[in-house]
Amino acid sequence: MMAGLVLEWELTADQTKGLLRSYTRQGVCVTQEVLGFYLVAYAAFRMGLCNFCGSQAHDLGEKARLAASEKAYCYKLLHILNAE
């Protein structure tokens, strides 16, 4: 859930750190390393989902929208992997 929030809302590094601190204050301990794993997993899952759904879509507009989303998640995944 946290990885989805970070990626979908495109939180900055400072915003993400603030979110982690807020979760920690509530008793939910999530380290930066664990979050990094889930960011990779979330971006890869969403990229694959967009690819699969695009291959099943019949509407050309929907195919284009899903292809653009797949590309966006690919860039997010590459950004995460290059930041590590």
C-alpha atoms as a PDB file:
ATOM      1  CA  MET A   1       0.000   0.000   0.000  1.00  0.00           C
ATOM      2  CA  MET A   2       2.762   2.441   0.899  1.00  0.00           C
ATOM      3  CA  ALA A   3       4.665   1.721  -2.321  1.00  0.00           C
ATOM      4  CA  GLY A   4       1.539   2.413  -4.348  1.00  0.00           C
ATOM      5  CA  LEU A   5       1.034   5.685  -2.525  1.00  0.00           C
ATOM      6  CA  VAL A   6       4.616   6.783  -3.133  1.00  0.00           C
ATOM      7  CA  LEU A   7       4.558   5.905  -6.835  1.00  0.00           C
ATOM      8  CA  GLU A   8       1.024   6.938  -7.746  1.00  0.00           C
ATOM      9  CA  TRP A   9       1.259  10.288  -5.967  1.00  0.00           C
ATOM     10  CA  GLU A  10       4.867  10.730  -7.155  1.00  0.00           C
ATOM     11  CA  LEU A  11       6.095  11.667  -3.697  1.00  0.00           C
ATOM     12  CA  THR A  12       9.486  13.296  -3.393  1.00  0.00           C
ATOM     13  CA  ALA A  13      12.260  11.757  -1.287  1.00  0.00           C
ATOM     14  CA  ASP A  14      11.494  14.191   1.534  1.00  0.00           C
ATOM     15  CA  GLN A  15       7.772  13.432   1.390  1.00  0.00           C
ATOM     16  CA  THR A  16       8.526   9.698   1.435  1.00  0.00           C
ATOM     17  CA  LYS A  17      10.786  10.084   4.472  1.00  0.00           C
ATOM     18  CA  GLY A  18       8.024  12.031   6.210  1.00  0.00           C
ATOM     19  CA  LEU A  19       5.568   9.269   5.389  1.00  0.00           C
ATOM     20  CA  LEU A  20       7.947   6.656   6.823  1.00  0.00           C
ATOM     21  CA  ARG A  21       8.336   8.719  10.008  1.00  0.00           C
ATOM     22  CA  SER A  22       4.570   9.047  10.300  1.00  0.00           C
ATOM     23  CA  TYR A  23       4.093   5.286   9.944  1.00  0.00           C
ATOM     24  CA  THR A  24       6.844   4.667  12.522  1.00  0.00           C
ATOM     25  CA  ARG A  25       5.098   6.976  15.020  1.00  0.00           C
ATOM     26  CA  GLN A  26       1.975   4.845  14.534  1.00  0.00           C
ATOM     27  CA  GLY A  27       3.926   1.678  15.350  1.00  0.00           C
ATOM     28  CA  VAL A  28       4.413   0.464  11.774  1.00  0.00           C
ATOM     29  CA  CYS A  29       8.120   0.049  11.144  1.00  0.00           C
ATOM     30  CA  VAL A  30       9.006   0.147   7.454  1.00  0.00           C
ATOM     31  CA  THR A  31      12.635   0.706   6.555  1.00  0.00           C
ATOM     32  CA  GLN A  32      13.814   2.487   3.441  1.00  0.00           C
ATOM     33  CA  GLU A  33      15.256  -0.828   2.206  1.00  0.00           C
ATOM     34  CA  VAL A  34      11.960  -2.677   2.604  1.00  0.00           C
ATOM     35  CA  LEU A  35      10.087   0.165   0.927  1.00  0.00           C
ATOM     36  CA  GLY A  36      12.609   0.064  -1.934  1.00  0.00           C
ATOM     37  CA  PHE A  37      11.838  -3.614  -2.508  1.00  0.00           C
ATOM     38  CA  TYR A  38       8.111  -2.940  -2.638  1.00  0.00           C
ATOM     39  CA  LEU A  39       8.552   0.068  -4.932  1.00  0.00           C
ATOM     40  CA  VAL A  40      10.315  -2.195  -7.441  1.00  0.00           C
ATOM     41  CA  ALA A  41       7.671  -4.896  -7.056  1.00  0.00           C
ATOM     42  CA  TYR A  42       4.773  -2.440  -7.403  1.00  0.00           C
ATOM     43  CA  ALA A  43       6.176  -0.703 -10.479  1.00  0.00           C
ATOM     44  CA  ALA A  44       6.994  -4.019 -12.162  1.00  0.00           C
ATOM     45  CA  PHE A  45       3.551  -5.435 -11.358  1.00  0.00           C
ATOM     46  CA  ARG A  46       1.739  -2.389 -12.695  1.00  0.00           C
ATOM     47  CA  MET A  47       3.913  -2.348 -15.814  1.00  0.00           C
ATOM     48  CA  GLY A  48       3.082  -6.011 -16.471  1.00  0.00           C
ATOM     49  CA  LEU A  49      -0.601  -5.475 -15.737  1.00  0.00           C
ATOM     50  CA  CYS A  50      -0.792  -2.605 -18.219  1.00  0.00           C
ATOM     51  CA  ASN A  51       0.998  -4.743 -20.798  1.00  0.00           C
ATOM     52  CA  PHE A  52      -1.381  -7.673 -20.301  1.00  0.00           C
ATOM     53  CA  CYS A  53      -4.526  -5.542 -20.284  1.00  0.00           C
ATOM     54  CA  GLY A  54      -3.339  -3.670 -23.366  1.00  0.00           C
ATOM     55  CA  SER A  55      -2.872  -6.937 -25.207  1.00  0.00           C
ATOM     56  CA  GLN A  56      -6.473  -7.895 -24.385  1.00  0.00           C
ATOM     57  CA  ALA A  57      -8.107  -4.536 -25.154  1.00  0.00           C
ATOM     58  CA  HIS A  58     -10.033  -4.071 -28.371  1.00  0.00           C
ATOM     59  CA  ASP A  59     -10.587  -0.326 -28.175  1.00  0.00           C
ATOM     60  CA  LEU A  60      -7.686   1.555 -29.789  1.00  0.00           C
ATOM     61  CA  GLY A  61      -7.964   4.433 -27.329  1.00  0.00           C
ATOM     62  CA  GLU A  62      -7.743   2.058 -24.394  1.00  0.00           C
ATOM     63  CA  LYS A  63      -4.781   0.258 -25.981  1.00  0.00           C
ATOM     64  CA  ALA A  64      -2.990   3.600 -26.347  1.00  0.00           C
ATOM     65  CA  ARG A  65      -3.787   4.617 -22.763  1.00  0.00           C
ATOM     66  CA  LEU A  66      -2.511   1.324 -21.407  1.00  0.00           C
ATOM     67  CA  ALA A  67       0.637   1.494 -23.557  1.00  0.00           C
ATOM     68  CA  ALA A  68       1.353   4.974 -22.184  1.00  0.00           C
ATOM     69  CA  SER A  69       0.788   3.738 -18.622  1.00  0.00           C
ATOM     70  CA  GLU A  70       3.060   0.754 -19.226  1.00  0.00           C
ATOM     71  CA  LYS A  71       5.782   3.090 -20.469  1.00  0.00           C
ATOM     72  CA  ALA A  72       5.328   5.388 -17.453  1.00  0.00           C
ATOM     73  CA  TYR A  73       5.691   2.477 -15.033  1.00  0.00           C
ATOM     74  CA  CYS A  74       8.743   1.285 -16.953  1.00  0.00           C
ATOM     75  CA  TYR A  75      10.361   4.705 -16.463  1.00  0.00           C
ATOM     76  CA  LYS A  76       9.428   4.680 -12.766  1.00  0.00           C
ATOM     77  CA  LEU A  77      10.961   1.214 -12.397  1.00  0.00           C
ATOM     78  CA  LEU A  78      14.150   2.278 -14.158  1.00  0.00           C
ATOM     79  CA  HIS A  79      14.359   5.391 -11.960  1.00  0.00           C
ATOM     80  CA  ILE A  80      14.016   3.298  -8.794  1.00  0.00           C
ATOM     81  CA  LEU A  81      16.592   0.764  -9.923  1.00  0.00           C
ATOM     82  CA  ASN A  82      19.083   3.439 -10.993  1.00  0.00           C
ATOM     83  CA  ALA A  83      18.685   5.293  -7.682  1.00  0.00           C
ATOM     84  CA  GLU A  84      19.842   2.236  -5.697  1.00  0.00           C
END
